[in-house]
Each structure stands twice: as structure tokens, then as C-alpha cells.
Amino acid sequence: MTSTLLRSTLAMALAAISLPAAAAPEFAACFTLTPGLSWSNADETLTIEKVTFAGQNAIKVHSAGGGIGMASFYDPSGRQLLGQERYGMSSDGPTRTDVFKPAPTFPQSAKPGERFELTGTGERTNHIDETVEPIDYDGFSDYTFVGFEDLETDVGNQPRTFKDTCHVTATFEDNRIEAWYAAGFGRIKFERYMGNELLMHDEIESIESP
């Protein structure tokens, strides 16, 4: 081997050693929420902010559309649903508040194909008639992590790829949902099926701020 070829081979080997290894995607990262971020799908605008809920630090995701609003409250990791509030068309405050203890929680980590459950119990306060009743979490509970996916979509009429989104699916009887979560945004794409029939579809279309 000539000295020139030897130096070239050595240089490439050293460069390969010095290159940082690409970080593996993390399941928990998909559920992080960025306060100050606001984005819209076809039907509603979602705004993320830091708040206090049920006596603890939380992140609020407020969704508004069609004159009716709803807020979901998460722990700082974004994986734990602490509670929800619903608002009427003419109400200054919530008409109903749900607080979950224990709260439905996505796991810290999951491997593609792994199954897990979301369960929780709590109390519902109806502010109009001033009643309180026990509740069970009534969302989908039987989940499977499909895997990490690069989700290609149009945002503000421009193509955009969300890297390493977490694609999860959940079933209940003949119903199925498909959902994609992106770091900082939360759930950016959602589909609901009955059998093979698509009943509902929403997807991020624009980013309002920052």
C-alpha cells in the first residue's frame, strides 16, 4: 500500500470514529408538549401552555372549534392525562371538570409491536348542577405501539416531514383508532374506523405560533 493510500485510508477511519452516532428515537419523546405552541387541523386550533391543575404543575392543551372548547391537562412529561375540562358556547368557565387519580399514562418506553393499557379512575364535577360523581377513564385502553414513522404531511401548504413520530393503534370491539404523536406537538394525526370504514380523520394543517 502506498503512503498516499495509507494516509487516505487512515483519515477516513478516523473520520468515521469521530462522527457521532445517530441517537435512537425514544418513545417518551413523542408525547412531550411545547408551551407556547399553537397549531390547527381542519376543525380546531390547539394551544399549549403551562398551568396548574389539581394542585400540581401541568401542561394544558386547549382545543377550540365550532364555539365549543375542551382542555386536556397533562403532567410535564405529556404522557399522563391528569384531567379534562369542557366548556359550553356561552360559559365563562368550565361546565365540567374531570380529575383522574390514578391517571391514564403512556409508558416511558415501548418497542414496536408491544401492547399496553391506558386506564384510570377519578371524579367528575358538573359545575352547572354542582354535583360530583366517580368516573372511569372511558377512552380507548388496549393499545399497541406500531413503531416509529416519518410522517409526511402539508403544513401551511408546504410539505413537511415529522421525524420519528410514534404510531399507536387501539381497538375496542369493532372500533379502531390510528394515532401519530410528534415531539412538542402531541397527537398530530388521528383516524378512527369501524371495521374497515373510516369514520374520522384529522391531521395538522398549519402552525399558528411560534
N, C-alpha and C. Protein backbone atom coordinates (compact mmCIF):
# COMPACT_ATOMS: atom_id res chain seq x y z
N MET A 1 0.85 -1.20 0.00
CA MET A 1 0.00 0.00 0.00
C MET A 1 0.88 1.24 0.00
N THR A 2 0.59 2.18 -0.90
CA THR A 2 1.39 3.38 -0.96
C THR A 2 1.12 4.25 0.25
N SER A 3 2.07 5.18 0.51
CA SER A 3 1.91 6.07 1.66
C SER A 3 0.70 6.98 1.49
N THR A 4 0.43 7.38 0.23
CA THR A 4 -0.73 8.25 -0.02
C THR A 4 -2.03 7.52 0.27
N LEU A 5 -2.14 6.27 -0.20
CA LEU A 5 -3.34 5.48 0.03
C LEU A 5 -3.49 5.16 1.51
N LEU A 6 -2.38 4.90 2.18
CA LEU A 6 -2.42 4.61 3.62
C LEU A 6 -2.94 5.80 4.40
N ARG A 7 -2.43 7.02 4.04
CA ARG A 7 -2.89 8.22 4.74
C ARG A 7 -4.38 8.46 4.49
N SER A 8 -4.83 8.21 3.27
CA SER A 8 -6.24 8.40 2.93
C SER A 8 -7.13 7.43 3.70
N THR A 9 -6.70 6.18 3.77
CA THR A 9 -7.47 5.16 4.49
C THR A 9 -7.54 5.49 5.98
N LEU A 10 -6.42 5.94 6.54
CA LEU A 10 -6.37 6.30 7.95
C LEU A 10 -7.26 7.49 8.24
N ALA A 11 -7.26 8.46 7.33
CA ALA A 11 -8.08 9.65 7.53
C ALA A 11 -9.55 9.31 7.53
N MET A 12 -9.97 8.43 6.61
CA MET A 12 -11.38 8.03 6.57
C MET A 12 -11.77 7.24 7.81
N ALA A 13 -10.86 6.41 8.30
CA ALA A 13 -11.15 5.63 9.50
C ALA A 13 -11.32 6.54 10.71
N LEU A 14 -10.42 7.54 10.83
CA LEU A 14 -10.52 8.47 11.95
C LEU A 14 -11.79 9.31 11.86
N ALA A 15 -12.19 9.69 10.64
CA ALA A 15 -13.41 10.47 10.47
C ALA A 15 -14.62 9.67 10.89
N ALA A 16 -14.63 8.39 10.55
CA ALA A 16 -15.74 7.52 10.92
C ALA A 16 -15.84 7.37 12.43
N ILE A 17 -14.68 7.28 13.08
CA ILE A 17 -14.67 7.14 14.54
C ILE A 17 -15.19 8.40 15.20
N SER A 18 -14.86 9.58 14.63
CA SER A 18 -15.22 10.84 15.26
C SER A 18 -16.66 11.25 15.02
N LEU A 19 -17.34 10.64 14.02
CA LEU A 19 -18.73 11.00 13.75
C LEU A 19 -19.62 10.53 14.90
N PRO A 20 -20.49 11.41 15.42
CA PRO A 20 -21.38 10.98 16.50
C PRO A 20 -22.42 9.99 15.98
N ALA A 21 -22.71 9.00 16.79
CA ALA A 21 -23.72 8.02 16.40
C ALA A 21 -25.09 8.67 16.45
N ALA A 22 -25.93 8.36 15.47
CA ALA A 22 -27.29 8.91 15.44
C ALA A 22 -28.07 8.39 16.64
N ALA A 23 -28.70 9.32 17.36
CA ALA A 23 -29.44 8.94 18.56
C ALA A 23 -30.68 8.14 18.16
N ALA A 24 -30.91 7.06 18.86
CA ALA A 24 -32.10 6.25 18.60
C ALA A 24 -33.34 7.00 19.07
N PRO A 25 -34.46 6.92 18.33
CA PRO A 25 -35.67 7.61 18.78
C PRO A 25 -36.17 7.04 20.10
N GLU A 26 -36.79 7.88 20.90
CA GLU A 26 -37.30 7.48 22.20
C GLU A 26 -38.82 7.60 22.22
N PHE A 27 -39.48 6.58 22.72
CA PHE A 27 -40.94 6.56 22.78
C PHE A 27 -41.47 7.74 23.59
N ALA A 28 -40.89 7.99 24.75
CA ALA A 28 -41.39 9.05 25.62
C ALA A 28 -41.32 10.43 24.98
N ALA A 29 -40.32 10.64 24.10
CA ALA A 29 -40.14 11.95 23.49
C ALA A 29 -41.33 12.36 22.64
N CYS A 30 -42.04 11.39 22.07
CA CYS A 30 -43.18 11.70 21.19
C CYS A 30 -44.29 12.43 21.92
N PHE A 31 -44.37 12.29 23.23
CA PHE A 31 -45.50 12.83 23.97
C PHE A 31 -45.20 14.16 24.65
N THR A 32 -43.97 14.67 24.48
CA THR A 32 -43.63 15.97 25.05
C THR A 32 -44.47 17.05 24.39
N LEU A 33 -44.74 18.10 25.16
CA LEU A 33 -45.58 19.21 24.69
C LEU A 33 -44.83 20.52 24.91
N THR A 34 -44.83 21.39 23.91
CA THR A 34 -44.08 22.65 23.97
C THR A 34 -45.01 23.81 24.30
N PRO A 35 -44.91 24.38 25.51
CA PRO A 35 -45.74 25.54 25.85
C PRO A 35 -45.48 26.70 24.89
N GLY A 36 -46.55 27.39 24.53
CA GLY A 36 -46.45 28.50 23.58
C GLY A 36 -46.74 28.09 22.15
N LEU A 37 -46.77 26.79 21.89
CA LEU A 37 -47.04 26.30 20.54
C LEU A 37 -48.55 26.25 20.29
N SER A 38 -48.95 26.68 19.11
CA SER A 38 -50.34 26.63 18.70
C SER A 38 -50.41 26.13 17.27
N TRP A 39 -51.28 25.16 17.01
CA TRP A 39 -51.41 24.62 15.66
C TRP A 39 -52.85 24.20 15.41
N SER A 40 -53.17 24.00 14.13
CA SER A 40 -54.55 23.72 13.75
C SER A 40 -54.65 22.52 12.83
N ASN A 41 -55.77 21.82 12.95
CA ASN A 41 -56.18 20.85 11.94
C ASN A 41 -57.41 21.43 11.23
N ALA A 42 -58.15 20.63 10.53
CA ALA A 42 -59.26 21.17 9.75
C ALA A 42 -60.39 21.72 10.62
N ASP A 43 -60.53 21.20 11.84
CA ASP A 43 -61.70 21.53 12.65
C ASP A 43 -61.43 22.40 13.87
N GLU A 44 -60.20 22.42 14.35
CA GLU A 44 -59.96 23.12 15.60
C GLU A 44 -58.53 23.62 15.69
N THR A 45 -58.33 24.56 16.60
CA THR A 45 -57.00 25.08 16.90
C THR A 45 -56.61 24.64 18.30
N LEU A 46 -55.39 24.13 18.44
CA LEU A 46 -54.90 23.65 19.74
C LEU A 46 -53.79 24.55 20.23
N THR A 47 -53.87 24.94 21.49
CA THR A 47 -52.89 25.83 22.11
C THR A 47 -52.33 25.16 23.35
N ILE A 48 -51.00 25.19 23.48
CA ILE A 48 -50.32 24.52 24.58
C ILE A 48 -49.75 25.56 25.54
N GLU A 49 -49.99 25.39 26.84
CA GLU A 49 -49.47 26.35 27.81
C GLU A 49 -49.22 25.67 29.16
N LYS A 50 -48.35 26.27 29.95
CA LYS A 50 -48.09 25.81 31.31
C LYS A 50 -49.17 26.35 32.24
N VAL A 51 -49.67 25.48 33.13
CA VAL A 51 -50.71 25.88 34.08
C VAL A 51 -50.52 25.07 35.36
N THR A 52 -51.40 25.33 36.31
CA THR A 52 -51.53 24.48 37.50
C THR A 52 -52.90 23.83 37.45
N PHE A 53 -52.93 22.52 37.66
CA PHE A 53 -54.20 21.79 37.61
C PHE A 53 -54.23 20.79 38.75
N ALA A 54 -55.31 20.80 39.49
CA ALA A 54 -55.49 19.89 40.63
C ALA A 54 -54.30 19.95 41.58
N GLY A 55 -53.77 21.15 41.77
CA GLY A 55 -52.72 21.38 42.74
C GLY A 55 -51.33 20.99 42.30
N GLN A 56 -51.10 20.75 41.00
CA GLN A 56 -49.76 20.40 40.54
C GLN A 56 -49.45 21.05 39.20
N ASN A 57 -48.16 21.16 38.91
CA ASN A 57 -47.73 21.72 37.64
C ASN A 57 -48.23 20.85 36.49
N ALA A 58 -48.71 21.48 35.45
CA ALA A 58 -49.31 20.73 34.35
C ALA A 58 -49.11 21.48 33.04
N ILE A 59 -49.40 20.79 31.97
CA ILE A 59 -49.42 21.39 30.64
C ILE A 59 -50.82 21.24 30.09
N LYS A 60 -51.38 22.36 29.67
CA LYS A 60 -52.75 22.41 29.18
C LYS A 60 -52.76 22.45 27.66
N VAL A 61 -53.56 21.58 27.07
CA VAL A 61 -53.79 21.62 25.62
C VAL A 61 -55.25 22.01 25.42
N HIS A 62 -55.45 23.24 25.00
CA HIS A 62 -56.81 23.76 24.81
C HIS A 62 -57.18 23.65 23.34
N SER A 63 -58.33 23.06 23.07
CA SER A 63 -58.81 22.94 21.69
C SER A 63 -60.12 23.68 21.57
N ALA A 64 -60.23 24.47 20.50
CA ALA A 64 -61.42 25.27 20.28
C ALA A 64 -61.84 25.15 18.83
N GLY A 65 -63.15 24.95 18.62
CA GLY A 65 -63.69 24.86 17.28
C GLY A 65 -65.20 24.75 17.35
N GLY A 66 -65.89 25.44 16.47
CA GLY A 66 -67.34 25.37 16.44
C GLY A 66 -68.00 25.98 17.65
N GLY A 67 -67.31 26.88 18.36
CA GLY A 67 -67.90 27.55 19.50
C GLY A 67 -67.84 26.77 20.79
N ILE A 68 -67.31 25.55 20.76
CA ILE A 68 -67.21 24.72 21.96
C ILE A 68 -65.75 24.40 22.21
N GLY A 69 -65.33 24.50 23.46
CA GLY A 69 -63.93 24.27 23.78
C GLY A 69 -63.75 23.10 24.74
N MET A 70 -62.54 22.57 24.74
CA MET A 70 -62.17 21.50 25.64
C MET A 70 -60.70 21.66 25.99
N ALA A 71 -60.35 21.35 27.19
CA ALA A 71 -58.95 21.40 27.62
C ALA A 71 -58.56 20.07 28.24
N SER A 72 -57.39 19.58 27.84
CA SER A 72 -56.82 18.38 28.45
C SER A 72 -55.57 18.79 29.20
N PHE A 73 -55.38 18.22 30.38
CA PHE A 73 -54.26 18.60 31.25
C PHE A 73 -53.34 17.39 31.43
N TYR A 74 -52.06 17.61 31.20
CA TYR A 74 -51.06 16.54 31.26
C TYR A 74 -49.97 16.90 32.27
N ASP A 75 -49.30 15.87 32.76
CA ASP A 75 -48.13 16.11 33.60
C ASP A 75 -47.02 16.66 32.70
N PRO A 76 -45.91 17.17 33.29
CA PRO A 76 -44.86 17.79 32.47
C PRO A 76 -44.27 16.89 31.39
N SER A 77 -44.36 15.56 31.54
CA SER A 77 -43.84 14.65 30.51
C SER A 77 -44.77 14.55 29.31
N GLY A 78 -46.04 14.92 29.48
CA GLY A 78 -47.02 14.80 28.42
C GLY A 78 -47.62 13.41 28.29
N ARG A 79 -47.15 12.46 29.09
CA ARG A 79 -47.62 11.08 28.97
C ARG A 79 -48.79 10.76 29.87
N GLN A 80 -49.03 11.60 30.85
CA GLN A 80 -50.04 11.29 31.87
C GLN A 80 -51.19 12.29 31.77
N LEU A 81 -52.41 11.79 31.52
CA LEU A 81 -53.59 12.64 31.44
C LEU A 81 -54.14 12.88 32.84
N LEU A 82 -53.95 14.10 33.34
CA LEU A 82 -54.37 14.43 34.69
C LEU A 82 -55.87 14.72 34.77
N GLY A 83 -56.42 15.26 33.69
CA GLY A 83 -57.84 15.59 33.72
C GLY A 83 -58.26 16.36 32.48
N GLN A 84 -59.54 16.71 32.45
CA GLN A 84 -60.10 17.42 31.31
C GLN A 84 -61.16 18.40 31.77
N GLU A 85 -61.34 19.45 30.99
CA GLU A 85 -62.42 20.40 31.20
C GLU A 85 -63.18 20.59 29.90
N ARG A 86 -64.48 20.76 30.01
CA ARG A 86 -65.33 21.06 28.85
C ARG A 86 -66.00 22.41 29.07
N TYR A 87 -66.17 23.14 27.97
CA TYR A 87 -66.73 24.48 28.04
C TYR A 87 -67.94 24.56 27.11
N GLY A 88 -68.98 25.27 27.56
CA GLY A 88 -70.15 25.49 26.72
C GLY A 88 -69.97 26.70 25.82
N MET A 89 -70.92 26.92 24.94
CA MET A 89 -70.80 28.01 23.97
C MET A 89 -70.87 29.37 24.63
N SER A 90 -71.62 29.50 25.72
CA SER A 90 -71.78 30.80 26.37
C SER A 90 -71.24 30.83 27.79
N SER A 91 -70.43 29.85 28.14
CA SER A 91 -69.95 29.74 29.51
C SER A 91 -68.63 30.48 29.70
N ASP A 92 -68.50 31.18 30.83
CA ASP A 92 -67.25 31.87 31.16
C ASP A 92 -66.22 30.90 31.73
N GLY A 93 -66.68 29.81 32.28
CA GLY A 93 -65.79 28.82 32.86
C GLY A 93 -66.19 27.44 32.41
N PRO A 94 -65.51 26.42 32.92
CA PRO A 94 -65.84 25.05 32.51
C PRO A 94 -67.21 24.62 33.01
N THR A 95 -67.90 23.86 32.19
CA THR A 95 -69.17 23.29 32.61
C THR A 95 -68.95 21.94 33.30
N ARG A 96 -67.79 21.34 33.04
CA ARG A 96 -67.49 20.03 33.60
C ARG A 96 -65.99 19.87 33.76
N THR A 97 -65.57 19.32 34.89
CA THR A 97 -64.15 19.06 35.13
C THR A 97 -63.96 17.62 35.58
N ASP A 98 -63.08 16.91 34.88
CA ASP A 98 -62.71 15.55 35.26
C ASP A 98 -61.29 15.57 35.81
N VAL A 99 -61.09 14.90 36.93
CA VAL A 99 -59.76 14.76 37.52
C VAL A 99 -59.49 13.28 37.72
N PHE A 100 -58.37 12.80 37.15
CA PHE A 100 -58.05 11.37 37.22
C PHE A 100 -56.97 11.10 38.27
N LYS A 101 -57.24 10.15 39.16
CA LYS A 101 -56.27 9.64 40.13
C LYS A 101 -56.64 8.20 40.42
N PRO A 102 -55.92 7.20 39.92
CA PRO A 102 -54.72 7.30 39.07
C PRO A 102 -55.06 7.74 37.65
N ALA A 103 -54.08 8.32 36.99
CA ALA A 103 -54.29 8.91 35.67
C ALA A 103 -53.89 7.93 34.57
N PRO A 104 -54.61 7.95 33.45
CA PRO A 104 -54.19 7.16 32.27
C PRO A 104 -52.79 7.64 31.83
N THR A 105 -51.86 6.70 31.65
CA THR A 105 -50.47 7.06 31.40
C THR A 105 -49.85 6.20 30.31
N PHE A 106 -49.29 6.86 29.29
CA PHE A 106 -48.49 6.14 28.31
C PHE A 106 -47.18 5.71 28.96
N PRO A 107 -46.66 4.55 28.63
CA PRO A 107 -45.42 4.08 29.27
C PRO A 107 -44.22 4.94 28.89
N GLN A 108 -43.18 4.86 29.70
CA GLN A 108 -41.94 5.58 29.44
C GLN A 108 -41.27 5.07 28.16
N SER A 109 -41.35 3.79 27.92
CA SER A 109 -40.72 3.21 26.74
C SER A 109 -41.59 2.08 26.20
N ALA A 110 -41.43 1.81 24.92
CA ALA A 110 -42.16 0.71 24.28
C ALA A 110 -41.41 0.30 23.03
N LYS A 111 -41.51 -0.96 22.70
CA LYS A 111 -40.91 -1.48 21.48
C LYS A 111 -42.00 -1.73 20.44
N PRO A 112 -41.67 -1.60 19.15
CA PRO A 112 -42.66 -1.88 18.11
C PRO A 112 -43.32 -3.25 18.31
N GLY A 113 -44.64 -3.25 18.26
CA GLY A 113 -45.40 -4.48 18.48
C GLY A 113 -45.83 -4.69 19.92
N GLU A 114 -45.31 -3.89 20.84
CA GLU A 114 -45.61 -4.06 22.26
C GLU A 114 -47.00 -3.50 22.58
N ARG A 115 -47.74 -4.22 23.43
CA ARG A 115 -49.07 -3.79 23.85
C ARG A 115 -49.01 -3.21 25.26
N PHE A 116 -49.94 -2.28 25.52
CA PHE A 116 -50.05 -1.69 26.86
C PHE A 116 -51.47 -1.17 27.02
N GLU A 117 -51.84 -0.85 28.26
CA GLU A 117 -53.19 -0.39 28.55
C GLU A 117 -53.18 1.00 29.16
N LEU A 118 -54.20 1.78 28.82
CA LEU A 118 -54.44 3.07 29.45
C LEU A 118 -55.70 2.95 30.30
N THR A 119 -55.55 3.10 31.59
CA THR A 119 -56.70 3.01 32.49
C THR A 119 -56.58 4.12 33.53
N GLY A 120 -57.70 4.44 34.16
CA GLY A 120 -57.69 5.44 35.21
C GLY A 120 -59.07 5.61 35.81
N THR A 121 -59.11 6.18 36.99
CA THR A 121 -60.37 6.50 37.66
C THR A 121 -60.26 7.91 38.23
N GLY A 122 -61.40 8.47 38.59
CA GLY A 122 -61.35 9.82 39.14
C GLY A 122 -62.71 10.33 39.52
N GLU A 123 -62.84 11.67 39.49
CA GLU A 123 -64.08 12.34 39.85
C GLU A 123 -64.46 13.34 38.77
N ARG A 124 -65.75 13.45 38.56
CA ARG A 124 -66.29 14.43 37.61
C ARG A 124 -67.14 15.44 38.36
N THR A 125 -66.79 16.71 38.21
CA THR A 125 -67.57 17.78 38.81
C THR A 125 -68.39 18.46 37.73
N ASN A 126 -69.70 18.40 37.87
CA ASN A 126 -70.60 19.13 36.97
C ASN A 126 -70.88 20.49 37.60
N HIS A 127 -70.35 21.54 36.97
CA HIS A 127 -70.43 22.87 37.58
C HIS A 127 -71.82 23.49 37.45
N ILE A 128 -72.62 23.03 36.52
CA ILE A 128 -73.94 23.62 36.34
C ILE A 128 -74.89 23.18 37.45
N ASP A 129 -74.93 21.87 37.72
CA ASP A 129 -75.81 21.40 38.79
C ASP A 129 -75.06 21.11 40.10
N GLU A 130 -73.75 21.41 40.11
CA GLU A 130 -72.93 21.31 41.33
C GLU A 130 -72.98 19.91 41.94
N THR A 131 -72.73 18.92 41.09
CA THR A 131 -72.67 17.55 41.56
C THR A 131 -71.29 16.97 41.29
N VAL A 132 -70.92 15.96 42.07
CA VAL A 132 -69.65 15.27 41.91
C VAL A 132 -69.94 13.77 41.86
N GLU A 133 -69.34 13.09 40.89
CA GLU A 133 -69.58 11.66 40.75
C GLU A 133 -68.28 10.95 40.37
N PRO A 134 -68.13 9.68 40.77
CA PRO A 134 -66.94 8.91 40.38
C PRO A 134 -67.02 8.53 38.90
N ILE A 135 -65.85 8.45 38.25
CA ILE A 135 -65.81 8.08 36.84
C ILE A 135 -64.65 7.13 36.59
N ASP A 136 -64.77 6.37 35.53
CA ASP A 136 -63.67 5.59 34.98
C ASP A 136 -63.24 6.25 33.67
N TYR A 137 -61.96 6.18 33.37
CA TYR A 137 -61.48 6.67 32.08
C TYR A 137 -62.19 5.90 30.97
N ASP A 138 -62.84 6.63 30.05
CA ASP A 138 -63.68 5.97 29.05
C ASP A 138 -63.08 6.04 27.65
N GLY A 139 -61.79 6.37 27.53
CA GLY A 139 -61.14 6.36 26.23
C GLY A 139 -60.70 4.95 25.86
N PHE A 140 -60.12 4.82 24.67
CA PHE A 140 -59.57 3.52 24.27
C PHE A 140 -58.48 3.11 25.26
N SER A 141 -58.44 1.83 25.59
CA SER A 141 -57.48 1.38 26.60
C SER A 141 -56.48 0.35 26.09
N ASP A 142 -56.84 -0.44 25.09
CA ASP A 142 -55.99 -1.54 24.61
C ASP A 142 -55.13 -1.06 23.43
N TYR A 143 -53.90 -0.66 23.72
CA TYR A 143 -53.02 -0.03 22.73
C TYR A 143 -51.91 -0.97 22.28
N THR A 144 -51.45 -0.74 21.05
CA THR A 144 -50.25 -1.38 20.53
C THR A 144 -49.37 -0.31 19.89
N PHE A 145 -48.08 -0.34 20.20
CA PHE A 145 -47.13 0.57 19.57
C PHE A 145 -46.73 -0.03 18.23
N VAL A 146 -47.14 0.63 17.14
CA VAL A 146 -46.84 0.13 15.80
C VAL A 146 -45.37 0.32 15.47
N GLY A 147 -44.84 1.53 15.80
CA GLY A 147 -43.43 1.80 15.55
C GLY A 147 -43.18 3.28 15.29
N PHE A 148 -41.91 3.62 15.12
CA PHE A 148 -41.52 4.99 14.78
C PHE A 148 -41.67 5.19 13.28
N GLU A 149 -42.28 6.32 12.90
CA GLU A 149 -42.51 6.59 11.48
C GLU A 149 -42.24 8.05 11.17
N ASP A 150 -41.66 8.30 10.00
CA ASP A 150 -41.53 9.66 9.49
C ASP A 150 -42.84 10.00 8.80
N LEU A 151 -43.57 10.97 9.36
CA LEU A 151 -44.89 11.32 8.84
C LEU A 151 -44.77 12.51 7.90
N GLU A 152 -45.14 12.29 6.65
CA GLU A 152 -45.10 13.35 5.65
C GLU A 152 -46.48 13.97 5.51
N THR A 153 -46.54 15.28 5.61
CA THR A 153 -47.81 15.99 5.54
C THR A 153 -47.57 17.37 4.97
N ASP A 154 -48.65 18.13 4.73
CA ASP A 154 -48.56 19.52 4.28
C ASP A 154 -48.92 20.42 5.45
N VAL A 155 -48.03 21.35 5.76
CA VAL A 155 -48.28 22.32 6.82
C VAL A 155 -48.18 23.70 6.21
N GLY A 156 -49.28 24.44 6.25
CA GLY A 156 -49.28 25.75 5.61
C GLY A 156 -49.04 25.65 4.12
N ASN A 157 -49.57 24.59 3.50
CA ASN A 157 -49.43 24.34 2.06
C ASN A 157 -47.98 24.10 1.64
N GLN A 158 -47.16 23.69 2.59
CA GLN A 158 -45.77 23.33 2.31
C GLN A 158 -45.51 21.92 2.83
N PRO A 159 -44.80 21.09 2.05
CA PRO A 159 -44.51 19.73 2.54
C PRO A 159 -43.63 19.77 3.79
N ARG A 160 -43.95 18.93 4.74
CA ARG A 160 -43.15 18.84 5.97
C ARG A 160 -43.12 17.40 6.44
N THR A 161 -41.97 16.98 6.92
CA THR A 161 -41.80 15.64 7.46
C THR A 161 -41.55 15.73 8.95
N PHE A 162 -42.39 15.08 9.74
CA PHE A 162 -42.18 14.98 11.18
C PHE A 162 -41.41 13.67 11.41
N LYS A 163 -40.18 13.79 11.87
CA LYS A 163 -39.31 12.63 12.04
C LYS A 163 -39.68 11.83 13.28
N ASP A 164 -39.60 10.53 13.14
CA ASP A 164 -39.73 9.60 14.28
C ASP A 164 -40.99 9.82 15.11
N THR A 165 -42.13 10.01 14.44
CA THR A 165 -43.37 10.06 15.20
C THR A 165 -43.67 8.67 15.76
N CYS A 166 -44.45 8.63 16.84
CA CYS A 166 -44.87 7.36 17.42
C CYS A 166 -46.26 7.02 16.89
N HIS A 167 -46.35 5.94 16.15
CA HIS A 167 -47.63 5.46 15.62
C HIS A 167 -48.17 4.41 16.57
N VAL A 168 -49.35 4.69 17.13
CA VAL A 168 -50.00 3.74 18.02
C VAL A 168 -51.39 3.42 17.48
N THR A 169 -51.86 2.24 17.80
CA THR A 169 -53.22 1.85 17.42
C THR A 169 -53.92 1.29 18.65
N ALA A 170 -55.24 1.45 18.68
CA ALA A 170 -56.01 0.93 19.80
C ALA A 170 -57.33 0.39 19.27
N THR A 171 -57.85 -0.63 19.93
CA THR A 171 -59.09 -1.28 19.49
C THR A 171 -60.08 -1.41 20.63
N PHE A 172 -61.35 -1.38 20.26
CA PHE A 172 -62.44 -1.67 21.20
C PHE A 172 -63.58 -2.25 20.39
N GLU A 173 -63.86 -3.53 20.62
CA GLU A 173 -64.86 -4.25 19.86
C GLU A 173 -64.56 -4.09 18.36
N ASP A 174 -65.48 -3.48 17.59
CA ASP A 174 -65.26 -3.35 16.15
C ASP A 174 -64.67 -1.99 15.79
N ASN A 175 -64.28 -1.21 16.80
CA ASN A 175 -63.72 0.12 16.57
C ASN A 175 -62.20 0.08 16.67
N ARG A 176 -61.55 0.92 15.88
CA ARG A 176 -60.10 1.01 15.90
C ARG A 176 -59.66 2.44 15.65
N ILE A 177 -58.61 2.86 16.34
CA ILE A 177 -58.03 4.17 16.05
C ILE A 177 -56.56 3.98 15.67
N GLU A 178 -56.09 4.89 14.84
CA GLU A 178 -54.68 5.00 14.49
C GLU A 178 -54.27 6.42 14.85
N ALA A 179 -53.18 6.58 15.59
CA ALA A 179 -52.76 7.92 16.03
C ALA A 179 -51.25 8.06 15.91
N TRP A 180 -50.83 9.27 15.54
CA TRP A 180 -49.42 9.58 15.40
C TRP A 180 -49.08 10.76 16.32
N TYR A 181 -48.07 10.59 17.16
CA TYR A 181 -47.64 11.62 18.12
C TYR A 181 -46.26 12.13 17.73
N ALA A 182 -46.09 13.46 17.76
CA ALA A 182 -44.82 14.09 17.40
C ALA A 182 -44.31 14.91 18.56
N ALA A 183 -43.01 14.84 18.81
CA ALA A 183 -42.40 15.57 19.92
C ALA A 183 -42.75 17.05 19.85
N GLY A 184 -43.20 17.59 20.98
CA GLY A 184 -43.54 19.00 21.08
C GLY A 184 -44.97 19.33 20.73
N PHE A 185 -45.59 18.54 19.84
CA PHE A 185 -46.92 18.82 19.34
C PHE A 185 -48.00 17.96 19.97
N GLY A 186 -47.67 16.75 20.38
CA GLY A 186 -48.69 15.80 20.79
C GLY A 186 -49.25 15.07 19.59
N ARG A 187 -50.52 14.75 19.62
CA ARG A 187 -51.12 13.95 18.55
C ARG A 187 -51.40 14.83 17.33
N ILE A 188 -50.71 14.55 16.22
CA ILE A 188 -50.84 15.40 15.04
C ILE A 188 -51.64 14.73 13.91
N LYS A 189 -51.94 13.45 14.05
CA LYS A 189 -52.77 12.77 13.05
C LYS A 189 -53.58 11.71 13.76
N PHE A 190 -54.86 11.58 13.34
CA PHE A 190 -55.77 10.67 14.02
C PHE A 190 -56.75 10.11 13.00
N GLU A 191 -57.00 8.80 13.09
CA GLU A 191 -58.00 8.15 12.26
C GLU A 191 -58.83 7.20 13.12
N ARG A 192 -60.13 7.17 12.87
CA ARG A 192 -60.99 6.23 13.60
C ARG A 192 -61.79 5.41 12.60
N TYR A 193 -61.85 4.12 12.84
CA TYR A 193 -62.51 3.18 11.94
C TYR A 193 -63.56 2.37 12.69
N MET A 194 -64.60 1.98 11.96
CA MET A 194 -65.49 0.92 12.40
C MET A 194 -65.37 -0.18 11.37
N GLY A 195 -64.79 -1.29 11.78
CA GLY A 195 -64.41 -2.29 10.80
C GLY A 195 -63.35 -1.71 9.89
N ASN A 196 -63.60 -1.72 8.59
CA ASN A 196 -62.67 -1.12 7.64
C ASN A 196 -63.12 0.24 7.15
N GLU A 197 -64.23 0.74 7.72
CA GLU A 197 -64.77 2.03 7.27
C GLU A 197 -64.17 3.18 8.08
N LEU A 198 -63.59 4.14 7.38
CA LEU A 198 -63.01 5.31 8.03
C LEU A 198 -64.13 6.25 8.45
N LEU A 199 -64.23 6.50 9.76
CA LEU A 199 -65.27 7.37 10.30
C LEU A 199 -64.78 8.79 10.54
N MET A 200 -63.51 8.94 10.88
CA MET A 200 -62.99 10.25 11.26
C MET A 200 -61.52 10.35 10.89
N HIS A 201 -61.12 11.53 10.45
CA HIS A 201 -59.72 11.78 10.12
C HIS A 201 -59.40 13.24 10.41
N ASP A 202 -58.33 13.48 11.17
CA ASP A 202 -57.82 14.84 11.30
C ASP A 202 -56.31 14.81 11.31
N GLU A 203 -55.73 15.91 10.87
CA GLU A 203 -54.28 15.97 10.68
C GLU A 203 -53.82 17.42 10.74
N ILE A 204 -52.64 17.65 11.28
CA ILE A 204 -52.12 19.01 11.37
C ILE A 204 -52.09 19.66 9.98
N GLU A 205 -52.57 20.93 9.92
CA GLU A 205 -52.59 21.65 8.64
C GLU A 205 -51.80 22.95 8.68
N SER A 206 -51.70 23.53 9.87
CA SER A 206 -50.96 24.80 9.98
C SER A 206 -50.42 24.97 11.39
N ILE A 207 -49.35 25.75 11.50
CA ILE A 207 -48.77 26.09 12.79
C ILE A 207 -48.98 27.58 12.99
N GLU A 208 -49.69 27.94 14.05
CA GLU A 208 -50.04 29.34 14.30
C GLU A 208 -48.90 30.09 14.99
N SER A 209 -48.26 29.44 15.96
CA SER A 209 -47.13 30.03 16.69
C SER A 209 -46.39 28.92 17.42
N PRO A 210 -45.08 29.08 17.73
CA PRO A 210 -44.30 30.31 17.42
C PRO A 210 -43.89 30.35 15.98
